[in-house]
Amino acid sequence: MKPSSSSEARRRLERLDGAALARHQLARLNGLLEAILPHNGFYAAKLAAVSRPVKSLEEVASWPLTYKEELSDVPHGGPVATHLTYPLEQYVRFHRTSGTQGRPLVVLDTAKDWQWWIDTWQFVLDAAQIVPGDRVLMAFSFGPFIGFWSACDALAARGAMVVPAGGMHTLQRLELAQSCGATVLCCTPSYALHLAEVAAQNQFDCRGLGIRCLIVAGEPGGSLPATRDRIEHSWNARVVDHAGATEVGPWGYADAAGRGLHVVESEFLAEFLSVETGQPAGEHELSELVITSLGRYGSPVIRYRTGDLVRPRWNSPGENRFVLLEGGVVGRADDMLVIRGVNVFPSSVEQMLHSFPEVVEYRITAFKSGQLDALRVEVEDRLDQPERIARELQVRLGLAVDVRCVPLGSLPRFEGKGRRFLDQR
């Protein structure tokens, strides 16, 4: 079944039953392997023991996993990742990971792969109900990070007007949204809140701008109820979450009921490894997302450990049968803290802090108190009452947390991915 740009075809794919979806994925997987092997030296070596064609998706679980460190282990300090299929001359797009988890990784795409990005992005735009005539403000500084560029091209392919806002400060972007009549805003959850904060400081009514939808990504906030509610209230607009990665593709989009993210299973093979056992996870179990991109041939990833922690649900209500990740991405494997025997995710703390309307910004620090691990939370709190926040965290986490108030405006603000967690242990 060939991917289609039409919304009807995408809806048909979403409604496939388990057996039909497995047949579709198996055909796509065999097509991928046929196209990239033996040209792709990285996977030719990694999958040397794999018999083709693959007869069943169950076989995939025995294949070796792919780690980001392998992709960045470039011989002789070369500029690009190790897993390219074709000579450099066949690539037309250069992008780089954000570098928030280790050094940036350069990933290239061919023209066909870039079209796959654009087509797959349409699942996100379906969820946001983007139509020709929408004016979409892109509140990013445009650099080599892939998310901005893929979103722009996908929006243009859909017939929406793309309004770039790179190289502007926050108030200028608000004024541009007003002057161009923006109906949709694309940014990170952190920056959506910062835009609203700056608007309030300058007596600028962002709720009256006419923006009906915000497409957010880059952080867990879009699927955290307290954060999503705060953004929606600030803008009088609906929040649509999205997930993807430079090395993987645009793999996730918002569930219509706001429960989390669907994996685009027509374009990605998703596996879930239990955090507790390392074995395939069960329903609702905390697990690491492992992804195979089925339509990206120039820079393929097969059984790639994303580091994203999720809770899968295969039998969620509704017509969409793609696996649902309840609460979206709930954290990162490398951000999970164990503080005095309690597992703590920064996203869980964010959810609790954003339940206090008076908390403007925050920062979390893990540190050593003697021989024990401890947690400190700094908050910009309009009420200047850290005790009530500390009580809530202790009740919800089962952990005593040192909560301190700091002056309003003293903590960093973020345009891209927020960096609100410091590990000083």
Protein backbone atom coordinates (compact mmCIF):
# COMPACT_ATOMS: atom_id res chain seq x y z
CA MET A 1 0.00 0.00 0.00
CA LYS A 2 1.67 3.22 -1.16
CA PRO A 3 1.53 6.30 1.09
CA SER A 4 -0.94 8.93 -0.13
CA SER A 5 -1.20 12.63 0.50
CA SER A 6 -4.99 12.52 0.73
CA SER A 7 -6.72 12.72 4.09
CA GLU A 8 -9.11 9.92 3.05
CA ALA A 9 -6.21 7.55 2.45
CA ARG A 10 -4.67 8.49 5.81
CA ARG A 11 -7.95 7.83 7.59
CA ARG A 12 -8.18 4.40 5.94
CA LEU A 13 -4.71 3.58 7.23
CA GLU A 14 -5.64 4.70 10.75
CA ARG A 15 -8.63 2.33 10.70
CA LEU A 16 -6.77 -0.82 9.63
CA ASP A 17 -7.25 -3.74 11.97
CA GLY A 18 -4.23 -5.37 13.54
CA ALA A 19 -3.73 -8.04 10.88
CA ALA A 20 -4.10 -5.62 7.96
CA LEU A 21 -1.73 -3.11 9.55
CA ALA A 22 0.85 -5.85 10.15
CA ARG A 23 0.66 -6.88 6.47
CA HIS A 24 1.11 -3.26 5.44
CA GLN A 25 4.11 -2.79 7.72
CA LEU A 26 5.71 -6.06 6.64
CA ALA A 27 5.45 -5.06 2.98
CA ARG A 28 6.95 -1.65 3.74
CA LEU A 29 9.76 -3.23 5.79
CA ASN A 30 10.69 -5.66 3.02
CA GLY A 31 10.59 -2.81 0.52
CA LEU A 32 12.96 -0.81 2.72
CA LEU A 33 15.44 -3.69 3.09
CA GLU A 34 15.31 -4.43 -0.64
CA ALA A 35 16.12 -0.79 -1.42
CA ILE A 36 18.93 -0.18 1.08
CA LEU A 37 20.77 -3.50 1.15
CA PRO A 38 23.57 -4.05 0.31
CA HIS A 39 24.25 -0.36 -0.53
CA ASN A 40 23.98 0.75 3.09
CA GLY A 41 27.19 -0.57 4.65
CA PHE A 42 26.08 0.19 8.21
CA TYR A 43 22.95 -1.96 8.02
CA ALA A 44 24.46 -4.54 5.66
CA ALA A 45 26.84 -5.39 8.51
CA LYS A 46 24.26 -5.03 11.27
CA LEU A 47 21.64 -7.21 9.55
CA ALA A 48 23.99 -9.70 7.92
CA ALA A 49 22.28 -12.63 9.64
CA VAL A 50 18.74 -11.58 8.64
CA SER A 51 17.03 -13.79 6.02
CA ARG A 52 15.04 -11.93 3.38
CA PRO A 53 12.29 -11.46 2.62
CA VAL A 54 11.16 -11.16 6.20
CA LYS A 55 8.20 -13.48 6.76
CA SER A 56 6.77 -11.98 9.96
CA LEU A 57 7.15 -8.84 12.06
CA GLU A 58 7.86 -11.09 15.04
CA GLU A 59 11.31 -11.72 13.54
CA VAL A 60 12.27 -8.08 14.06
CA ALA A 61 12.48 -8.44 17.85
CA SER A 62 15.60 -10.61 17.46
CA TRP A 63 17.47 -8.06 15.33
CA PRO A 64 20.15 -5.85 16.89
CA LEU A 65 19.10 -2.46 18.22
CA THR A 66 20.47 0.80 16.83
CA TYR A 67 21.89 3.45 19.16
CA LYS A 68 22.48 7.12 18.47
CA GLU A 69 26.11 6.71 19.53
CA GLU A 70 26.61 4.30 16.61
CA LEU A 71 25.26 6.83 14.13
CA SER A 72 27.57 9.56 15.41
CA ASP A 73 30.67 7.36 15.48
CA VAL A 74 31.90 8.89 12.24
CA PRO A 75 35.28 7.61 10.97
CA HIS A 76 38.05 10.21 10.70
CA GLY A 77 35.84 12.92 12.20
CA GLY A 78 33.65 13.15 9.10
CA PRO A 79 30.70 15.53 9.05
CA VAL A 80 27.76 13.15 8.63
CA ALA A 81 26.22 10.09 10.26
CA THR A 82 27.46 6.58 9.59
CA HIS A 83 24.22 5.09 8.22
CA LEU A 84 23.88 6.72 4.80
CA THR A 85 22.73 4.51 1.93
CA TYR A 86 23.85 6.55 -1.09
CA PRO A 87 26.81 8.72 -2.18
CA LEU A 88 26.67 12.27 -0.83
CA GLU A 89 25.77 13.66 -4.25
CA GLN A 90 22.29 12.13 -4.00
CA TYR A 91 21.35 14.10 -0.86
CA VAL A 92 19.63 17.48 -1.02
CA ARG A 93 18.83 18.28 2.64
CA PHE A 94 21.29 18.82 5.50
CA HIS A 95 19.94 18.89 9.06
CA ARG A 96 21.29 18.39 12.53
CA THR A 97 19.92 17.24 15.87
CA SER A 98 19.42 19.84 18.58
CA GLY A 99 22.35 18.60 20.66
CA THR A 100 20.36 18.56 23.91
CA GLN A 101 21.38 14.90 24.37
CA GLY A 102 25.09 14.78 23.46
CA ARG A 103 26.82 16.38 20.51
CA PRO A 104 24.73 17.26 17.42
CA LEU A 105 24.31 14.55 14.78
CA VAL A 106 24.19 15.52 11.10
CA VAL A 107 21.51 13.65 9.12
CA LEU A 108 20.97 13.96 5.35
CA ASP A 109 17.90 13.33 3.17
CA THR A 110 17.39 12.63 -0.52
CA ALA A 111 14.60 14.37 -2.46
CA LYS A 112 12.42 11.24 -2.13
CA ASP A 113 13.05 11.03 1.59
CA TRP A 114 12.14 14.68 1.99
CA GLN A 115 8.85 14.04 0.20
CA TRP A 116 8.25 11.24 2.71
CA TRP A 117 8.76 13.75 5.51
CA ILE A 118 6.20 16.10 3.93
CA ASP A 119 3.66 13.31 3.37
CA THR A 120 4.04 11.93 6.89
CA TRP A 121 3.69 15.41 8.42
CA GLN A 122 0.18 15.52 6.97
CA PHE A 123 -1.03 13.29 9.82
CA VAL A 124 -0.05 16.10 12.20
CA LEU A 125 -1.76 18.71 10.04
CA ASP A 126 -4.90 16.56 9.84
CA ALA A 127 -5.01 16.55 13.63
CA ALA A 128 -4.67 20.34 13.64
CA GLN A 129 -7.34 20.64 10.90
CA ILE A 130 -5.07 22.83 8.77
CA VAL A 131 -6.77 24.02 5.56
CA PRO A 132 -5.74 26.14 2.56
CA GLY A 133 -6.06 29.73 3.64
CA ASP A 134 -4.63 29.18 7.12
CA ARG A 135 -1.78 31.54 7.98
CA VAL A 136 0.79 29.75 10.11
CA LEU A 137 3.32 31.71 12.15
CA MET A 138 6.57 29.78 12.65
CA ALA A 139 7.95 31.16 15.93
CA PHE A 140 11.44 29.69 15.62
CA SER A 141 14.94 30.85 14.79
CA PHE A 142 15.57 28.85 11.65
CA GLY A 143 18.77 26.85 11.92
CA PRO A 144 19.76 23.30 10.90
CA PHE A 145 17.19 21.63 13.21
CA ILE A 146 14.84 19.68 10.94
CA GLY A 147 11.47 20.29 12.60
CA PHE A 148 11.06 23.87 11.38
CA TRP A 149 11.89 23.10 7.76
CA SER A 150 9.80 19.95 7.47
CA ALA A 151 6.80 21.72 8.98
CA CYS A 152 7.18 24.65 6.58
CA ASP A 153 7.30 22.44 3.48
CA ALA A 154 4.42 20.27 4.71
CA LEU A 155 2.28 23.35 5.36
CA ALA A 156 3.07 24.82 1.95
CA ALA A 157 2.22 21.49 0.28
CA ARG A 158 -1.15 21.63 2.03
CA GLY A 159 -1.86 25.12 0.70
CA ALA A 160 -1.40 27.07 3.93
CA MET A 161 0.53 30.34 4.08
CA VAL A 162 3.80 29.97 6.00
CA VAL A 163 4.88 33.08 7.94
CA PRO A 164 8.52 32.75 9.11
CA ALA A 165 9.42 34.65 12.28
CA GLY A 166 13.12 33.86 12.65
CA GLY A 167 15.48 36.63 13.71
CA MET A 168 12.78 38.43 15.73
CA HIS A 169 12.35 39.04 19.43
CA THR A 170 9.20 37.92 21.18
CA LEU A 171 7.19 41.15 21.00
CA GLN A 172 7.98 41.49 17.28
CA ARG A 173 6.59 38.01 16.72
CA LEU A 174 3.38 38.91 18.52
CA GLU A 175 3.03 42.03 16.39
CA LEU A 176 3.69 39.97 13.24
CA ALA A 177 1.01 37.47 14.27
CA GLN A 178 -1.42 40.37 14.57
CA SER A 179 -0.46 42.14 11.34
CA CYS A 180 -0.48 39.00 9.16
CA GLY A 181 -3.72 37.65 10.62
CA ALA A 182 -2.14 34.39 11.80
CA THR A 183 -4.62 31.59 12.50
CA VAL A 184 -2.11 28.93 13.62
CA LEU A 185 1.07 29.16 15.71
CA CYS A 186 3.94 26.63 15.62
CA CYS A 187 6.38 26.69 18.55
CA THR A 188 7.52 24.76 21.62
CA PRO A 189 5.19 24.58 24.65
CA SER A 190 7.70 26.65 26.63
CA TYR A 191 7.72 29.38 24.03
CA ALA A 192 3.93 29.44 23.76
CA LEU A 193 3.82 30.26 27.48
CA HIS A 194 6.63 32.81 27.16
CA LEU A 195 4.85 34.55 24.28
CA ALA A 196 1.75 34.83 26.46
CA GLU A 197 3.84 36.13 29.36
CA VAL A 198 5.43 38.86 27.20
CA ALA A 199 2.02 39.72 25.75
CA ALA A 200 0.62 40.29 29.25
CA GLN A 201 3.61 42.43 30.23
CA ASN A 202 3.02 44.65 27.19
CA GLN A 203 -0.79 44.86 27.42
CA PHE A 204 -1.01 42.79 24.25
CA ASP A 205 -4.15 40.65 23.93
CA CYS A 206 -2.91 37.33 22.51
CA ARG A 207 -6.32 35.75 23.29
CA GLY A 208 -7.87 38.16 20.79
CA LEU A 209 -5.42 37.53 17.96
CA GLY A 210 -7.66 35.01 16.21
CA ILE A 211 -5.18 32.12 16.53
CA ARG A 212 -7.35 29.00 16.76
CA CYS A 213 -4.65 26.34 17.08
CA LEU A 214 -1.09 25.91 18.34
CA ILE A 215 1.02 23.03 17.00
CA VAL A 216 3.66 22.32 19.62
CA ALA A 217 6.61 19.94 19.79
CA GLY A 218 10.10 19.53 21.22
CA GLU A 219 8.98 18.96 24.84
CA PRO A 220 6.41 16.81 26.65
CA GLY A 221 4.21 19.81 27.55
CA GLY A 222 1.69 19.50 24.72
CA SER A 223 0.36 16.23 26.14
CA LEU A 224 0.58 17.20 29.82
CA PRO A 225 -2.94 18.28 30.85
CA ALA A 226 -1.86 21.10 33.18
CA THR A 227 0.59 22.57 30.67
CA ARG A 228 -1.81 22.14 27.75
CA ASP A 229 -4.65 23.75 29.71
CA ARG A 230 -2.45 26.70 30.63
CA ILE A 231 -1.47 27.28 27.00
CA GLU A 232 -5.04 26.91 25.74
CA HIS A 233 -6.32 29.36 28.35
CA SER A 234 -3.56 31.87 27.57
CA TRP A 235 -4.29 31.81 23.84
CA ASN A 236 -7.98 30.89 23.73
CA ALA A 237 -6.92 28.25 21.22
CA ARG A 238 -6.55 24.49 20.91
CA VAL A 239 -3.17 22.82 21.45
CA VAL A 240 -2.12 19.99 19.09
CA ASP A 241 0.93 18.01 20.17
CA HIS A 242 3.43 16.43 17.78
CA ALA A 243 6.54 14.28 18.20
CA GLY A 244 9.46 13.49 15.95
CA ALA A 245 13.23 13.41 15.75
CA THR A 246 15.82 14.40 13.16
CA GLU A 247 17.20 10.88 12.93
CA VAL A 248 13.75 9.19 12.91
CA GLY A 249 11.08 11.36 11.26
CA PRO A 250 7.73 12.88 12.31
CA TRP A 251 6.47 9.80 14.14
CA GLY A 252 3.67 11.07 16.42
CA TYR A 253 0.56 13.25 16.34
CA ALA A 254 -2.15 14.29 18.77
CA ASP A 255 -5.02 12.05 19.71
CA ALA A 256 -8.35 13.77 18.94
CA ALA A 257 -9.51 13.32 22.54
CA GLY A 258 -6.35 14.89 23.99
CA ARG A 259 -5.21 11.69 25.69
CA GLY A 260 -1.73 11.60 24.16
CA LEU A 261 -0.02 10.81 20.87
CA HIS A 262 -0.69 8.28 18.12
CA VAL A 263 2.32 6.70 16.42
CA VAL A 264 2.03 6.93 12.61
CA GLU A 265 2.16 3.16 12.31
CA SER A 266 1.71 3.16 8.54
CA GLU A 267 5.14 4.82 8.31
CA PHE A 268 6.88 3.56 11.45
CA LEU A 269 7.23 0.20 13.13
CA ALA A 270 7.02 0.86 16.87
CA GLU A 271 8.26 -1.44 19.63
CA PHE A 272 8.11 -0.87 23.37
CA LEU A 273 10.77 -2.16 25.77
CA SER A 274 9.77 -2.31 29.42
CA VAL A 275 11.86 -0.01 31.62
CA GLU A 276 11.56 -2.61 34.37
CA THR A 277 12.56 -5.76 32.45
CA GLY A 278 13.92 -4.72 29.04
CA GLN A 279 11.41 -7.13 27.46
CA PRO A 280 8.42 -6.21 25.26
CA ALA A 281 6.11 -4.04 27.34
CA GLY A 282 2.48 -4.66 28.16
CA GLU A 283 -0.48 -2.31 27.93
CA HIS A 284 0.06 0.95 29.88
CA GLU A 285 3.54 -0.18 31.01
CA LEU A 286 6.30 2.42 31.20
CA SER A 287 8.59 1.59 28.30
CA GLU A 288 11.18 2.98 25.92
CA LEU A 289 10.00 3.62 22.37
CA VAL A 290 12.01 1.77 19.70
CA ILE A 291 11.30 2.85 16.12
CA THR A 292 11.95 1.66 12.57
CA SER A 293 11.31 4.27 9.88
CA LEU A 294 9.67 2.49 6.95
CA GLY A 295 9.88 5.16 4.24
CA ARG A 296 13.22 6.89 4.70
CA TYR A 297 15.77 5.12 2.54
CA GLY A 298 18.69 7.56 2.41
CA SER A 299 19.19 7.72 6.20
CA PRO A 300 17.27 4.70 7.54
CA VAL A 301 16.97 3.76 11.18
CA ILE A 302 16.02 0.19 12.11
CA ARG A 303 15.13 -0.70 15.70
CA TYR A 304 16.35 2.71 16.88
CA ARG A 305 16.31 3.35 20.64
CA THR A 306 14.75 6.79 20.84
CA GLY A 307 15.23 7.26 24.58
CA ASP A 308 11.60 8.44 24.79
CA LEU A 309 9.60 6.92 27.64
CA VAL A 310 5.94 6.20 26.92
CA ARG A 311 2.93 4.12 27.99
CA PRO A 312 1.40 2.27 25.00
CA ARG A 313 -2.29 1.49 24.63
CA TRP A 314 -3.34 -0.70 21.72
CA ASN A 315 -7.09 -0.84 22.27
CA SER A 316 -8.06 2.78 22.83
CA PRO A 317 -11.63 3.89 22.04
CA GLY A 318 -12.33 5.57 18.71
CA GLU A 319 -11.81 4.87 15.04
CA ASN A 320 -8.05 5.48 15.05
CA ARG A 321 -6.38 2.11 15.69
CA PHE A 322 -2.78 3.33 15.62
CA VAL A 323 -1.18 2.68 19.01
CA LEU A 324 -1.87 5.47 21.50
CA LEU A 325 0.83 6.73 23.86
CA GLU A 326 -1.09 7.85 26.92
CA GLY A 327 0.15 11.24 28.05
CA GLY A 328 2.47 11.46 25.04
CA VAL A 329 6.18 11.26 25.79
CA VAL A 330 6.27 11.15 29.59
CA GLY A 331 10.03 11.61 29.85
CA ARG A 332 13.47 10.70 28.61
CA ALA A 333 15.34 7.59 29.70
CA ASP A 334 18.41 9.70 30.46
CA ASP A 335 16.35 12.24 32.47
CA MET A 336 14.71 9.76 34.84
CA LEU A 337 15.87 10.42 38.38
CA VAL A 338 15.93 8.01 41.28
CA ILE A 339 15.79 10.19 44.39
CA ARG A 340 15.87 8.17 47.62
CA GLY A 341 14.26 5.22 45.89
CA VAL A 342 11.55 7.26 44.12
CA ASN A 343 11.46 7.43 40.31
CA VAL A 344 10.98 11.07 39.29
CA PHE A 345 10.54 12.54 35.81
CA PRO A 346 11.02 16.29 35.22
CA SER A 347 7.81 16.20 33.15
CA SER A 348 5.89 14.91 36.20
CA VAL A 349 7.18 17.80 38.28
CA GLU A 350 6.22 20.22 35.47
CA GLN A 351 2.68 18.83 35.45
CA MET A 352 2.39 19.49 39.20
CA LEU A 353 3.93 22.97 39.04
CA HIS A 354 1.68 24.07 36.20
CA SER A 355 -1.34 23.13 38.31
CA PHE A 356 -0.52 26.31 40.28
CA PRO A 357 -1.68 29.27 38.12
CA GLU A 358 0.62 31.64 40.00
CA VAL A 359 3.81 29.74 39.06
CA VAL A 360 5.34 31.50 36.07
CA GLU A 361 8.62 29.61 35.54
CA TYR A 362 10.66 26.94 37.31
CA ARG A 363 13.98 25.08 37.43
CA ILE A 364 14.70 21.62 38.88
CA THR A 365 18.12 20.68 40.29
CA ALA A 366 19.23 17.25 41.47
CA PHE A 367 22.14 17.38 43.94
CA LYS A 368 23.88 15.46 46.70
CA SER A 369 22.93 16.09 50.33
CA GLY A 370 25.68 14.21 52.15
CA GLN A 371 25.53 10.70 50.70
CA LEU A 372 21.91 11.02 49.61
CA ASP A 373 20.35 12.35 46.41
CA ALA A 374 18.03 15.33 46.80
CA LEU A 375 15.86 17.59 44.66
CA ARG A 376 15.53 21.38 44.65
CA VAL A 377 12.86 23.29 42.75
CA GLU A 378 13.16 27.04 42.14
CA VAL A 379 9.92 28.77 41.19
CA GLU A 380 8.83 32.21 40.13
CA ASP A 381 5.67 32.32 42.23
CA ARG A 382 3.44 35.41 42.21
CA LEU A 383 2.13 34.43 45.66
CA ASP A 384 5.64 33.85 47.07
CA GLN A 385 4.36 30.83 49.01
CA PRO A 386 6.74 27.92 48.32
CA GLU A 387 5.36 25.89 51.25
CA ARG A 388 2.10 25.04 49.44
CA ILE A 389 4.06 23.82 46.43
CA ALA A 390 6.40 21.73 48.58
CA ARG A 391 3.40 20.12 50.28
CA GLU A 392 1.84 19.19 46.93
CA LEU A 393 5.09 17.71 45.62
CA GLN A 394 5.52 15.66 48.79
CA VAL A 395 1.97 14.30 48.55
CA ARG A 396 2.18 13.54 44.83
CA LEU A 397 5.77 12.27 44.68
CA GLY A 398 6.12 10.82 48.17
CA LEU A 399 9.34 12.83 48.41
CA ALA A 400 10.44 15.89 50.39
CA VAL A 401 11.52 18.57 47.89
CA ASP A 402 13.31 21.82 48.70
CA VAL A 403 11.13 24.48 47.02
CA ARG A 404 12.48 28.03 46.86
CA CYS A 405 10.97 31.20 45.41
CA VAL A 406 13.13 33.37 43.17
CA PRO A 407 12.36 36.84 41.76
CA LEU A 408 9.93 37.07 38.85
CA GLY A 409 11.81 37.11 35.54
CA SER A 410 15.05 35.73 37.01
CA LEU A 411 14.91 32.21 35.53
CA PRO A 412 15.84 31.54 31.87
CA ARG A 413 13.20 31.56 29.13
CA PHE A 414 13.44 29.28 26.11
CA GLU A 415 12.52 29.60 22.45
CA GLY A 416 13.53 26.04 21.58
CA LYS A 417 13.58 23.01 23.86
CA GLY A 418 13.44 24.11 27.48
CA ARG A 419 16.41 23.22 29.69
CA ARG A 420 14.84 23.38 33.14
CA PHE A 421 16.61 20.39 34.69
CA LEU A 422 20.13 20.45 36.12
CA ASP A 423 21.85 17.34 37.46
CA GLN A 424 24.63 18.36 39.84
CA ARG A 425 25.15 14.98 41.48
